[in-house]
């Protein structure tokens, strides 16, 4: 019977050269507590249940690169950042903790998945809409590795509840940008609304952890 490999472990024994994943307690300890982070404060940290991806996660193959029956993070967290002074909207950062070797493979998997997500359709109840993912230049220069993509939506003419063909079709540019930053074994997912200073601060903290 083949040995089980998960989170850099073989039957509970760390693989050579692979830093172990952070636990939920260690992940929480690495995050700032109530002090400002580029104009934000950490409002809450909750376990993210990656086995049931939420609707705002684009293209199943990208999600499957992070969590699947053969690969899953040791822990995942949903970090809510509240703007200082209660002005502006909250930002959400999703954080996944792996053994470092696994995190490297996950980043490669995300990159490879984009090629199969150029056009895809998402269903919401009885409606569906067309989307697409497109590689983009990373807005951040932090961590050990970064990868960004733009999530494109159906053209305005296809919106408003009218049926949208299942085949490839026009998508709106430029779309929202999402970025994955790997710092050691921690992979963080940011939207284009999160300032670079936030990503830099969190990356420094994960590296120290």
N, C-alpha and C. Protein backbone atom coordinates (compact mmCIF):
# COMPACT_ATOMS: atom_id res chain seq x y z
N UNK A 1 0.85 -1.19 0.00
CA UNK A 1 0.00 0.00 0.00
C UNK A 1 0.89 1.24 0.00
N UNK A 2 0.57 2.20 -0.86
CA UNK A 2 1.39 3.42 -0.97
C UNK A 2 1.26 4.25 0.29
N UNK A 3 2.35 4.91 0.63
CA UNK A 3 2.31 5.79 1.80
C UNK A 3 1.45 6.99 1.51
N UNK A 4 0.76 7.48 2.51
CA UNK A 4 -0.08 8.67 2.38
C UNK A 4 0.77 9.91 2.53
N UNK A 5 0.64 10.83 1.55
CA UNK A 5 1.40 12.08 1.59
C UNK A 5 0.42 13.22 1.72
N UNK A 6 0.55 14.03 2.75
CA UNK A 6 -0.32 15.18 2.95
C UNK A 6 0.39 16.19 3.83
N UNK A 7 0.39 17.47 3.37
CA UNK A 7 0.99 18.53 4.18
C UNK A 7 2.45 18.31 4.47
N UNK A 8 3.21 17.67 3.52
CA UNK A 8 4.63 17.47 3.74
C UNK A 8 4.91 16.33 4.69
N UNK A 9 3.95 15.43 4.93
CA UNK A 9 4.13 14.33 5.88
C UNK A 9 3.98 13.00 5.17
N UNK A 10 4.73 11.98 5.56
CA UNK A 10 4.53 10.60 5.14
C UNK A 10 4.25 9.80 6.40
N UNK A 11 2.98 9.40 6.56
CA UNK A 11 2.56 8.68 7.77
C UNK A 11 2.99 9.41 9.03
N UNK A 12 2.84 10.78 8.99
CA UNK A 12 3.13 11.59 10.16
C UNK A 12 4.58 11.98 10.32
N UNK A 13 5.45 11.55 9.38
CA UNK A 13 6.88 11.89 9.47
C UNK A 13 7.20 13.00 8.48
N UNK A 14 7.78 14.14 8.90
CA UNK A 14 8.08 15.22 7.97
C UNK A 14 9.01 14.77 6.86
N UNK A 15 8.71 15.17 5.63
CA UNK A 15 9.58 14.87 4.51
C UNK A 15 10.86 15.69 4.62
N UNK A 16 12.01 15.16 4.19
CA UNK A 16 13.27 15.90 4.28
C UNK A 16 13.20 17.21 3.51
N UNK A 17 13.66 18.29 4.13
CA UNK A 17 13.73 19.57 3.46
C UNK A 17 12.41 20.30 3.34
N UNK A 18 11.35 19.78 3.92
CA UNK A 18 10.04 20.41 3.81
C UNK A 18 9.62 20.99 5.16
N UNK A 19 9.52 22.32 5.22
CA UNK A 19 9.07 22.98 6.44
C UNK A 19 7.62 22.58 6.70
N UNK A 20 7.28 22.32 7.96
CA UNK A 20 5.93 21.90 8.28
C UNK A 20 4.94 23.05 8.18
N UNK A 21 3.67 22.69 8.00
CA UNK A 21 2.61 23.70 7.90
C UNK A 21 2.36 24.34 9.26
N UNK A 22 1.89 25.58 9.23
CA UNK A 22 1.48 26.26 10.45
C UNK A 22 0.13 25.71 10.90
N UNK A 23 -0.07 25.62 12.19
CA UNK A 23 -1.37 25.23 12.72
C UNK A 23 -2.27 26.47 12.74
N UNK A 24 -3.56 26.25 13.04
CA UNK A 24 -4.48 27.38 13.13
C UNK A 24 -4.04 28.34 14.22
N UNK A 25 -3.58 27.80 15.34
CA UNK A 25 -3.12 28.65 16.45
C UNK A 25 -1.91 29.48 16.03
N UNK A 26 -0.97 28.86 15.31
CA UNK A 26 0.22 29.57 14.86
C UNK A 26 -0.13 30.62 13.81
N UNK A 27 -1.11 30.31 12.96
CA UNK A 27 -1.54 31.26 11.94
C UNK A 27 -2.16 32.49 12.60
N UNK A 28 -3.03 32.26 13.59
CA UNK A 28 -3.65 33.37 14.31
C UNK A 28 -2.61 34.20 15.06
N UNK A 29 -1.62 33.51 15.63
CA UNK A 29 -0.57 34.21 16.38
C UNK A 29 0.24 35.11 15.47
N UNK A 30 0.39 34.73 14.20
CA UNK A 30 1.18 35.52 13.26
C UNK A 30 0.46 36.80 12.83
N UNK A 31 -0.85 36.83 12.93
CA UNK A 31 -1.61 37.98 12.46
C UNK A 31 -1.56 39.13 13.47
N UNK A 32 -1.62 40.37 12.97
CA UNK A 32 -1.64 41.52 13.90
C UNK A 32 -2.92 41.50 14.73
N UNK A 33 -2.82 42.10 15.91
CA UNK A 33 -3.97 42.13 16.82
C UNK A 33 -4.35 43.57 17.13
N UNK A 34 -5.41 44.01 16.48
CA UNK A 34 -6.03 45.31 16.73
C UNK A 34 -5.22 46.50 16.24
N UNK A 35 -3.89 46.35 16.04
CA UNK A 35 -3.17 47.50 15.54
C UNK A 35 -3.42 47.67 14.04
N UNK A 36 -3.12 48.86 13.54
CA UNK A 36 -3.39 49.16 12.14
C UNK A 36 -2.43 48.43 11.22
N UNK A 37 -2.96 48.02 10.07
CA UNK A 37 -2.15 47.45 9.00
C UNK A 37 -2.52 48.22 7.75
N UNK A 38 -1.73 49.24 7.45
CA UNK A 38 -1.98 50.07 6.27
C UNK A 38 -3.41 50.62 6.25
N UNK A 39 -3.87 51.10 7.42
CA UNK A 39 -5.20 51.66 7.50
C UNK A 39 -6.30 50.68 7.83
N UNK A 40 -5.94 49.42 8.08
CA UNK A 40 -6.93 48.40 8.42
C UNK A 40 -6.59 47.77 9.76
N UNK A 41 -7.60 47.13 10.35
CA UNK A 41 -7.40 46.30 11.53
C UNK A 41 -7.99 44.92 11.26
N UNK A 42 -7.41 43.89 11.88
CA UNK A 42 -7.97 42.55 11.75
C UNK A 42 -9.24 42.47 12.58
N UNK A 43 -10.38 42.39 11.89
CA UNK A 43 -11.66 42.37 12.58
C UNK A 43 -12.02 40.97 13.06
N UNK A 44 -11.68 39.95 12.26
CA UNK A 44 -11.99 38.59 12.65
C UNK A 44 -11.13 37.61 11.86
N UNK A 45 -10.93 36.44 12.47
CA UNK A 45 -10.24 35.34 11.82
C UNK A 45 -11.07 34.09 12.07
N UNK A 46 -11.47 33.42 11.02
CA UNK A 46 -12.31 32.23 11.17
C UNK A 46 -11.79 31.13 10.27
N UNK A 47 -12.02 29.91 10.68
CA UNK A 47 -11.61 28.77 9.85
C UNK A 47 -12.39 28.81 8.55
N UNK A 48 -11.68 28.59 7.44
CA UNK A 48 -12.30 28.54 6.12
C UNK A 48 -12.49 27.09 5.74
N UNK A 49 -13.72 26.71 5.40
CA UNK A 49 -14.01 25.33 5.06
C UNK A 49 -13.83 25.14 3.56
N UNK A 50 -12.63 24.77 3.16
CA UNK A 50 -12.27 24.72 1.75
C UNK A 50 -12.91 23.55 1.01
N UNK A 51 -13.47 22.58 1.74
CA UNK A 51 -14.07 21.45 1.05
C UNK A 51 -15.39 21.84 0.39
N UNK A 52 -15.93 23.01 0.72
CA UNK A 52 -17.14 23.51 0.09
C UNK A 52 -16.86 24.93 -0.41
N UNK A 53 -16.19 25.06 -1.56
CA UNK A 53 -15.82 26.40 -2.07
C UNK A 53 -17.04 27.29 -2.23
N UNK A 54 -16.88 28.56 -1.88
CA UNK A 54 -17.98 29.51 -1.99
C UNK A 54 -18.15 29.95 -3.44
N UNK A 55 -19.29 30.56 -3.77
CA UNK A 55 -19.61 30.92 -5.14
C UNK A 55 -18.66 31.96 -5.74
N UNK A 56 -17.99 32.74 -4.89
CA UNK A 56 -17.12 33.78 -5.43
C UNK A 56 -15.74 33.24 -5.79
N UNK A 57 -15.54 31.94 -5.65
CA UNK A 57 -14.27 31.35 -6.06
C UNK A 57 -14.35 30.97 -7.53
N UNK A 58 -13.56 31.60 -8.38
CA UNK A 58 -13.72 31.38 -9.81
C UNK A 58 -13.13 30.07 -10.30
N UNK A 59 -13.84 29.42 -11.21
CA UNK A 59 -13.40 28.22 -11.91
C UNK A 59 -12.97 27.11 -10.95
N UNK A 60 -13.67 26.00 -11.00
CA UNK A 60 -13.40 24.91 -10.07
C UNK A 60 -11.99 24.38 -10.12
N UNK A 61 -11.33 24.44 -11.28
CA UNK A 61 -9.98 23.90 -11.39
C UNK A 61 -8.98 24.73 -10.59
N UNK A 62 -9.24 26.02 -10.42
CA UNK A 62 -8.37 26.84 -9.58
C UNK A 62 -8.55 26.45 -8.13
N UNK A 63 -9.80 26.28 -7.69
CA UNK A 63 -10.06 25.85 -6.32
C UNK A 63 -9.47 24.47 -6.07
N UNK A 64 -9.59 23.57 -7.07
CA UNK A 64 -9.08 22.21 -6.90
C UNK A 64 -7.57 22.17 -6.79
N UNK A 65 -6.89 23.20 -7.32
CA UNK A 65 -5.43 23.25 -7.18
C UNK A 65 -5.05 23.50 -5.73
N UNK A 66 -5.96 24.10 -4.96
CA UNK A 66 -5.69 24.40 -3.55
C UNK A 66 -6.17 23.27 -2.66
N UNK A 67 -7.37 22.77 -2.93
CA UNK A 67 -7.91 21.70 -2.10
C UNK A 67 -8.63 20.68 -2.98
N UNK A 68 -8.28 19.43 -2.80
CA UNK A 68 -8.90 18.33 -3.53
C UNK A 68 -8.74 17.07 -2.68
N UNK A 69 -9.22 15.94 -3.18
CA UNK A 69 -9.12 14.71 -2.39
C UNK A 69 -7.66 14.28 -2.20
N UNK A 70 -6.77 14.74 -3.07
CA UNK A 70 -5.36 14.37 -2.96
C UNK A 70 -4.48 15.48 -2.37
N UNK A 71 -5.04 16.67 -2.23
CA UNK A 71 -4.24 17.81 -1.75
C UNK A 71 -5.13 18.76 -0.98
N UNK A 72 -4.76 19.08 0.23
CA UNK A 72 -5.53 20.05 1.00
C UNK A 72 -4.61 20.74 2.00
N UNK A 73 -4.90 22.00 2.33
CA UNK A 73 -4.08 22.69 3.31
C UNK A 73 -4.28 22.11 4.71
N UNK A 74 -3.26 22.29 5.56
CA UNK A 74 -3.39 21.86 6.95
C UNK A 74 -4.51 22.64 7.61
N UNK A 75 -4.54 23.95 7.37
CA UNK A 75 -5.62 24.81 7.85
C UNK A 75 -5.82 25.93 6.83
N UNK A 76 -7.03 26.46 6.80
CA UNK A 76 -7.35 27.63 5.98
C UNK A 76 -8.12 28.61 6.85
N UNK A 77 -7.87 29.90 6.64
CA UNK A 77 -8.53 30.92 7.44
C UNK A 77 -9.07 32.03 6.56
N UNK A 78 -10.16 32.62 7.02
CA UNK A 78 -10.77 33.78 6.36
C UNK A 78 -10.52 34.98 7.26
N UNK A 79 -9.66 35.89 6.81
CA UNK A 79 -9.27 37.04 7.61
C UNK A 79 -10.03 38.27 7.11
N UNK A 80 -10.80 38.90 7.99
CA UNK A 80 -11.56 40.10 7.63
C UNK A 80 -10.83 41.32 8.15
N UNK A 81 -10.50 42.25 7.25
CA UNK A 81 -9.82 43.49 7.60
C UNK A 81 -10.81 44.63 7.58
N UNK A 82 -10.96 45.32 8.71
CA UNK A 82 -11.88 46.45 8.81
C UNK A 82 -11.11 47.75 8.63
N UNK A 83 -11.60 48.67 7.82
CA UNK A 83 -10.90 49.94 7.62
C UNK A 83 -10.87 50.78 8.89
N UNK A 84 -9.77 51.44 9.14
CA UNK A 84 -9.63 52.31 10.31
C UNK A 84 -10.63 53.46 10.20
N UNK A 85 -11.26 53.79 11.30
CA UNK A 85 -12.20 54.89 11.32
C UNK A 85 -13.57 54.53 10.77
N UNK A 86 -13.80 53.25 10.49
CA UNK A 86 -15.11 52.76 10.04
C UNK A 86 -15.54 53.39 8.72
N UNK A 87 -14.60 53.83 7.90
CA UNK A 87 -14.94 54.36 6.58
C UNK A 87 -14.40 53.40 5.53
N UNK A 88 -15.17 53.19 4.48
CA UNK A 88 -14.77 52.24 3.45
C UNK A 88 -15.31 50.86 3.77
N UNK A 89 -15.02 49.90 2.88
CA UNK A 89 -15.58 48.57 3.08
C UNK A 89 -14.52 47.59 3.59
N UNK A 90 -15.01 46.54 4.22
CA UNK A 90 -14.11 45.51 4.73
C UNK A 90 -13.47 44.75 3.57
N UNK A 91 -12.29 44.22 3.82
CA UNK A 91 -11.59 43.41 2.83
C UNK A 91 -11.39 42.01 3.42
N UNK A 92 -11.44 41.02 2.56
CA UNK A 92 -11.28 39.62 2.99
C UNK A 92 -10.02 39.04 2.37
N UNK A 93 -9.17 38.45 3.21
CA UNK A 93 -7.97 37.75 2.75
C UNK A 93 -8.12 36.29 3.15
N UNK A 94 -7.97 35.39 2.18
CA UNK A 94 -8.02 33.96 2.48
C UNK A 94 -6.61 33.43 2.57
N UNK A 95 -6.33 32.69 3.63
CA UNK A 95 -4.98 32.22 3.92
C UNK A 95 -4.99 30.69 4.05
N UNK A 96 -4.05 30.03 3.36
CA UNK A 96 -3.96 28.57 3.39
C UNK A 96 -2.55 28.17 3.84
N UNK A 97 -2.47 27.28 4.82
CA UNK A 97 -1.19 26.84 5.37
C UNK A 97 -0.86 25.43 4.90
N UNK A 98 0.29 25.29 4.22
CA UNK A 98 0.79 24.00 3.73
C UNK A 98 2.20 23.78 4.24
N UNK A 99 2.69 22.55 4.10
CA UNK A 99 4.13 22.36 4.14
C UNK A 99 4.69 23.08 2.92
N UNK A 100 5.92 23.60 3.04
CA UNK A 100 6.43 24.48 1.98
C UNK A 100 6.50 23.78 0.62
N UNK A 101 6.94 22.52 0.58
CA UNK A 101 7.00 21.80 -0.69
C UNK A 101 5.62 21.70 -1.34
N UNK A 102 4.61 21.46 -0.52
CA UNK A 102 3.25 21.38 -1.05
C UNK A 102 2.79 22.73 -1.58
N UNK A 103 3.13 23.81 -0.87
CA UNK A 103 2.73 25.14 -1.31
C UNK A 103 3.32 25.48 -2.67
N UNK A 104 4.56 25.06 -2.91
CA UNK A 104 5.19 25.28 -4.22
C UNK A 104 4.40 24.56 -5.30
N UNK A 105 3.99 23.33 -5.03
CA UNK A 105 3.21 22.57 -6.01
C UNK A 105 1.84 23.19 -6.24
N UNK A 106 1.23 23.71 -5.18
CA UNK A 106 -0.08 24.33 -5.31
C UNK A 106 -0.01 25.56 -6.22
N UNK A 107 1.02 26.39 -6.05
CA UNK A 107 1.17 27.57 -6.90
C UNK A 107 1.32 27.15 -8.36
N UNK A 108 2.08 26.09 -8.62
CA UNK A 108 2.22 25.58 -9.99
C UNK A 108 0.87 25.10 -10.52
N UNK A 109 0.08 24.47 -9.65
CA UNK A 109 -1.23 23.98 -10.04
C UNK A 109 -2.19 25.10 -10.40
N UNK A 110 -2.13 26.20 -9.65
CA UNK A 110 -2.99 27.36 -9.95
C UNK A 110 -2.63 27.93 -11.31
N UNK A 111 -1.34 28.08 -11.57
CA UNK A 111 -0.90 28.61 -12.87
C UNK A 111 -1.40 27.72 -14.02
N UNK A 112 -1.26 26.41 -13.84
CA UNK A 112 -1.66 25.48 -14.89
C UNK A 112 -3.18 25.50 -15.11
N UNK A 113 -3.94 25.72 -14.03
CA UNK A 113 -5.40 25.69 -14.13
C UNK A 113 -5.96 26.85 -14.95
N UNK A 114 -5.26 27.98 -14.96
CA UNK A 114 -5.76 29.15 -15.67
C UNK A 114 -5.99 28.84 -17.15
N UNK A 115 -5.12 28.02 -17.74
CA UNK A 115 -5.25 27.69 -19.16
C UNK A 115 -6.58 27.00 -19.46
N UNK A 116 -7.14 26.29 -18.48
CA UNK A 116 -8.42 25.59 -18.67
C UNK A 116 -9.61 26.43 -18.21
N UNK A 117 -9.34 27.67 -17.80
CA UNK A 117 -10.41 28.52 -17.26
C UNK A 117 -10.56 29.80 -18.07
N UNK A 118 -10.08 29.79 -19.31
CA UNK A 118 -10.20 30.98 -20.16
C UNK A 118 -11.66 31.33 -20.38
N UNK A 119 -12.51 30.31 -20.53
CA UNK A 119 -13.96 30.50 -20.56
C UNK A 119 -14.60 29.42 -19.70
N UNK A 120 -15.52 29.82 -18.84
CA UNK A 120 -16.28 28.86 -18.05
C UNK A 120 -17.60 29.48 -17.66
N UNK A 121 -18.53 28.67 -17.24
CA UNK A 121 -19.85 29.16 -16.84
C UNK A 121 -20.10 28.81 -15.38
N UNK A 122 -20.69 29.73 -14.66
CA UNK A 122 -21.02 29.52 -13.25
C UNK A 122 -22.54 29.55 -13.10
N UNK A 123 -23.07 28.60 -12.32
CA UNK A 123 -24.50 28.52 -12.09
C UNK A 123 -24.85 29.12 -10.73
N UNK A 124 -25.91 29.92 -10.70
CA UNK A 124 -26.42 30.50 -9.45
C UNK A 124 -27.92 30.20 -9.43
N UNK A 125 -28.30 29.21 -8.63
CA UNK A 125 -29.70 28.75 -8.61
C UNK A 125 -30.06 28.28 -10.03
N UNK A 126 -31.06 28.90 -10.66
CA UNK A 126 -31.49 28.47 -12.00
C UNK A 126 -30.86 29.31 -13.10
N UNK A 127 -29.97 30.22 -12.74
CA UNK A 127 -29.34 31.09 -13.72
C UNK A 127 -27.87 30.73 -13.86
N UNK A 128 -27.31 31.07 -14.99
CA UNK A 128 -25.88 30.89 -15.16
C UNK A 128 -25.32 32.09 -15.90
N UNK A 129 -24.04 32.29 -15.75
CA UNK A 129 -23.39 33.42 -16.42
C UNK A 129 -22.00 33.02 -16.88
N UNK A 130 -21.52 33.71 -17.89
CA UNK A 130 -20.23 33.40 -18.49
C UNK A 130 -19.12 34.16 -17.78
N UNK A 131 -17.98 33.51 -17.61
CA UNK A 131 -16.81 34.13 -17.01
C UNK A 131 -15.56 33.66 -17.74
N UNK A 132 -14.44 34.21 -17.34
CA UNK A 132 -13.16 33.77 -17.86
C UNK A 132 -12.04 34.27 -16.98
N UNK A 133 -10.94 33.54 -16.94
CA UNK A 133 -9.77 33.94 -16.17
C UNK A 133 -8.62 34.21 -17.13
N UNK A 134 -7.82 35.23 -16.81
CA UNK A 134 -6.73 35.64 -17.69
C UNK A 134 -5.54 36.04 -16.83
N UNK A 135 -4.35 35.49 -17.09
CA UNK A 135 -3.16 35.88 -16.30
C UNK A 135 -2.96 37.38 -16.32
N UNK A 136 -2.45 37.92 -15.22
CA UNK A 136 -2.23 39.37 -15.11
C UNK A 136 -0.92 39.62 -14.38
N UNK A 137 -0.41 40.83 -14.51
CA UNK A 137 0.78 41.22 -13.78
C UNK A 137 0.45 41.39 -12.30
N UNK A 138 1.29 40.83 -11.44
CA UNK A 138 1.02 40.91 -10.01
C UNK A 138 1.20 42.34 -9.51
N UNK A 139 0.26 42.83 -8.70
CA UNK A 139 0.40 44.18 -8.13
C UNK A 139 1.34 44.21 -6.93
N UNK A 140 1.80 43.03 -6.47
CA UNK A 140 2.62 42.95 -5.26
C UNK A 140 4.01 42.41 -5.58
N UNK A 141 4.99 42.91 -4.83
CA UNK A 141 6.36 42.38 -4.88
C UNK A 141 6.72 41.91 -3.48
N UNK A 142 6.07 40.86 -3.05
CA UNK A 142 6.26 40.35 -1.69
C UNK A 142 6.34 38.83 -1.75
N UNK A 143 6.75 38.22 -0.65
CA UNK A 143 6.76 36.78 -0.53
C UNK A 143 7.80 36.11 -1.39
N UNK A 144 7.66 34.79 -1.55
CA UNK A 144 8.58 33.99 -2.35
C UNK A 144 8.08 33.77 -3.77
N UNK A 145 6.78 33.94 -3.97
CA UNK A 145 6.21 33.72 -5.30
C UNK A 145 4.84 34.39 -5.33
N UNK A 146 4.51 34.99 -6.46
CA UNK A 146 3.18 35.58 -6.62
C UNK A 146 2.62 35.21 -7.99
N UNK A 147 1.31 35.12 -8.05
CA UNK A 147 0.64 34.90 -9.34
C UNK A 147 -0.70 35.60 -9.30
N UNK A 148 -1.02 36.33 -10.38
CA UNK A 148 -2.27 37.07 -10.46
C UNK A 148 -3.07 36.67 -11.70
N UNK A 149 -4.37 36.79 -11.59
CA UNK A 149 -5.23 36.63 -12.76
C UNK A 149 -6.38 37.62 -12.66
N UNK A 150 -6.97 37.93 -13.81
CA UNK A 150 -8.16 38.76 -13.84
C UNK A 150 -9.37 37.86 -14.06
N UNK A 151 -10.44 38.14 -13.31
CA UNK A 151 -11.70 37.43 -13.50
C UNK A 151 -12.59 38.30 -14.37
N UNK A 152 -12.86 37.84 -15.59
CA UNK A 152 -13.68 38.57 -16.54
C UNK A 152 -15.11 38.07 -16.48
N UNK A 153 -16.06 38.97 -16.70
CA UNK A 153 -17.47 38.62 -16.65
C UNK A 153 -18.11 38.79 -18.02
N UNK A 154 -19.35 38.34 -18.15
CA UNK A 154 -20.06 38.44 -19.41
C UNK A 154 -20.21 39.89 -19.82
N UNK A 155 -20.20 40.14 -21.12
CA UNK A 155 -20.39 41.50 -21.63
C UNK A 155 -21.75 42.02 -21.21
N UNK A 156 -21.87 43.35 -21.14
CA UNK A 156 -23.09 43.97 -20.64
C UNK A 156 -24.32 43.51 -21.40
N UNK A 157 -24.17 43.24 -22.69
CA UNK A 157 -25.32 42.82 -23.49
C UNK A 157 -25.85 41.46 -23.06
N UNK A 158 -25.01 40.67 -22.40
CA UNK A 158 -25.42 39.34 -21.95
C UNK A 158 -25.97 39.34 -20.53
N UNK A 159 -25.91 40.48 -19.85
CA UNK A 159 -26.35 40.55 -18.46
C UNK A 159 -27.85 40.85 -18.40
N UNK A 160 -28.37 40.91 -17.20
CA UNK A 160 -29.76 41.30 -17.01
C UNK A 160 -30.74 40.15 -17.05
N UNK A 161 -30.28 38.94 -16.85
CA UNK A 161 -31.19 37.81 -16.76
C UNK A 161 -31.46 37.10 -18.07
N UNK A 162 -30.99 37.64 -19.21
CA UNK A 162 -31.20 36.96 -20.48
C UNK A 162 -30.33 35.71 -20.54
N UNK A 163 -30.81 34.66 -21.21
CA UNK A 163 -30.00 33.44 -21.33
C UNK A 163 -28.65 33.73 -21.98
N UNK A 164 -27.60 33.13 -21.45
CA UNK A 164 -26.25 33.33 -21.97
C UNK A 164 -25.79 32.01 -22.58
N UNK A 165 -25.33 32.00 -23.84
CA UNK A 165 -24.88 30.75 -24.46
C UNK A 165 -23.77 30.09 -23.65
N UNK A 166 -23.73 28.77 -23.67
CA UNK A 166 -22.73 28.05 -22.91
C UNK A 166 -21.35 28.13 -23.56
N UNK A 167 -21.30 28.39 -24.85
CA UNK A 167 -20.01 28.46 -25.53
C UNK A 167 -19.27 29.73 -25.22
N UNK A 168 -17.98 29.81 -25.63
CA UNK A 168 -17.18 31.03 -25.42
C UNK A 168 -17.85 32.23 -26.06
N UNK A 169 -17.70 33.38 -25.43
CA UNK A 169 -18.29 34.60 -25.95
C UNK A 169 -17.56 35.81 -25.40
N UNK A 170 -18.04 37.00 -25.73
CA UNK A 170 -17.34 38.23 -25.29
C UNK A 170 -17.34 38.39 -23.78
N UNK A 171 -16.21 38.84 -23.25
CA UNK A 171 -16.06 39.10 -21.82
C UNK A 171 -15.56 40.52 -21.62
N UNK A 172 -15.98 41.12 -20.51
CA UNK A 172 -15.61 42.50 -20.24
C UNK A 172 -14.18 42.59 -19.71
N UNK A 173 -13.46 43.59 -20.17
CA UNK A 173 -12.15 43.92 -19.64
C UNK A 173 -12.29 45.22 -18.83
N UNK A 174 -11.44 45.50 -17.82
CA UNK A 174 -10.29 44.68 -17.45
C UNK A 174 -10.61 43.58 -16.45
N UNK A 175 -11.73 43.68 -15.73
CA UNK A 175 -12.08 42.65 -14.76
C UNK A 175 -11.37 42.83 -13.43
N UNK A 176 -11.80 42.06 -12.43
CA UNK A 176 -11.18 42.12 -11.10
C UNK A 176 -9.90 41.30 -11.09
N UNK A 177 -8.92 41.78 -10.34
CA UNK A 177 -7.64 41.08 -10.23
C UNK A 177 -7.55 40.36 -8.89
N UNK A 178 -7.15 39.10 -8.93
CA UNK A 178 -6.91 38.31 -7.74
C UNK A 178 -5.46 37.85 -7.74
N UNK A 179 -4.84 37.87 -6.57
CA UNK A 179 -3.42 37.54 -6.47
C UNK A 179 -3.18 36.52 -5.37
N UNK A 180 -2.37 35.52 -5.69
CA UNK A 180 -1.91 34.55 -4.71
C UNK A 180 -0.46 34.87 -4.37
N UNK A 181 -0.16 34.96 -3.08
CA UNK A 181 1.21 35.21 -2.61
C UNK A 181 1.64 34.04 -1.74
N UNK A 182 2.75 33.41 -2.12
CA UNK A 182 3.29 32.32 -1.29
C UNK A 182 4.46 32.85 -0.48
N UNK A 183 4.36 32.69 0.84
CA UNK A 183 5.45 33.01 1.76
C UNK A 183 5.77 31.74 2.51
N UNK A 184 6.86 31.07 2.14
CA UNK A 184 7.14 29.76 2.71
C UNK A 184 6.03 28.81 2.35
N UNK A 185 5.34 28.26 3.36
CA UNK A 185 4.24 27.35 3.11
C UNK A 185 2.87 28.00 3.21
N UNK A 186 2.82 29.31 3.39
CA UNK A 186 1.54 30.01 3.53
C UNK A 186 1.18 30.68 2.20
N UNK A 187 -0.01 30.39 1.69
CA UNK A 187 -0.51 31.01 0.47
C UNK A 187 -1.68 31.90 0.84
N UNK A 188 -1.56 33.18 0.49
CA UNK A 188 -2.61 34.15 0.78
C UNK A 188 -3.26 34.60 -0.52
N UNK A 189 -4.58 34.76 -0.51
CA UNK A 189 -5.31 35.21 -1.69
C UNK A 189 -5.87 36.60 -1.42
N UNK A 190 -5.53 37.55 -2.30
CA UNK A 190 -5.95 38.94 -2.17
C UNK A 190 -6.77 39.37 -3.38
N UNK A 191 -7.67 40.33 -3.16
CA UNK A 191 -8.35 40.96 -4.29
C UNK A 191 -7.62 42.26 -4.61
N UNK A 192 -7.97 42.85 -5.75
CA UNK A 192 -7.26 44.06 -6.17
C UNK A 192 -7.53 45.25 -5.26
N UNK A 193 -8.48 45.12 -4.33
CA UNK A 193 -8.78 46.23 -3.42
C UNK A 193 -7.84 46.28 -2.22
N UNK A 194 -7.07 45.24 -1.98
CA UNK A 194 -6.19 45.18 -0.82
C UNK A 194 -4.86 45.88 -1.16
N UNK A 195 -4.47 46.90 -0.39
CA UNK A 195 -3.22 47.61 -0.69
C UNK A 195 -1.99 46.72 -0.58
N UNK A 196 -0.94 47.06 -1.31
CA UNK A 196 0.29 46.29 -1.28
C UNK A 196 0.89 46.26 0.13
N UNK A 197 0.74 47.36 0.87
CA UNK A 197 1.29 47.42 2.23
C UNK A 197 0.69 46.34 3.12
N UNK A 198 -0.57 45.98 2.89
CA UNK A 198 -1.21 44.92 3.67
C UNK A 198 -0.56 43.58 3.34
N UNK A 199 -0.41 43.29 2.05
CA UNK A 199 0.21 42.04 1.64
C UNK A 199 1.65 41.94 2.14
N UNK A 200 2.36 43.06 2.13
CA UNK A 200 3.74 43.07 2.59
C UNK A 200 3.83 42.80 4.09
N UNK A 201 2.96 43.44 4.85
CA UNK A 201 2.96 43.24 6.31
C UNK A 201 2.63 41.80 6.67
N UNK A 202 1.60 41.24 6.04
CA UNK A 202 1.21 39.87 6.36
C UNK A 202 2.29 38.88 5.92
N UNK A 203 2.90 39.14 4.77
CA UNK A 203 3.97 38.25 4.31
C UNK A 203 5.14 38.23 5.28
N UNK A 204 5.53 39.40 5.81
CA UNK A 204 6.61 39.47 6.80
C UNK A 204 6.24 38.66 8.05
N UNK A 205 4.98 38.78 8.47
CA UNK A 205 4.56 38.07 9.68
C UNK A 205 4.54 36.56 9.48
N UNK A 206 4.10 36.10 8.31
CA UNK A 206 4.06 34.67 8.03
C UNK A 206 5.49 34.12 7.94
N UNK A 207 6.41 34.92 7.41
CA UNK A 207 7.79 34.45 7.30
C UNK A 207 8.40 34.29 8.71
N UNK A 208 8.11 35.23 9.60
CA UNK A 208 8.64 35.13 10.97
C UNK A 208 8.04 33.92 11.68
N UNK A 209 6.77 33.63 11.36
CA UNK A 209 6.12 32.48 12.03
C UNK A 209 6.74 31.16 11.59
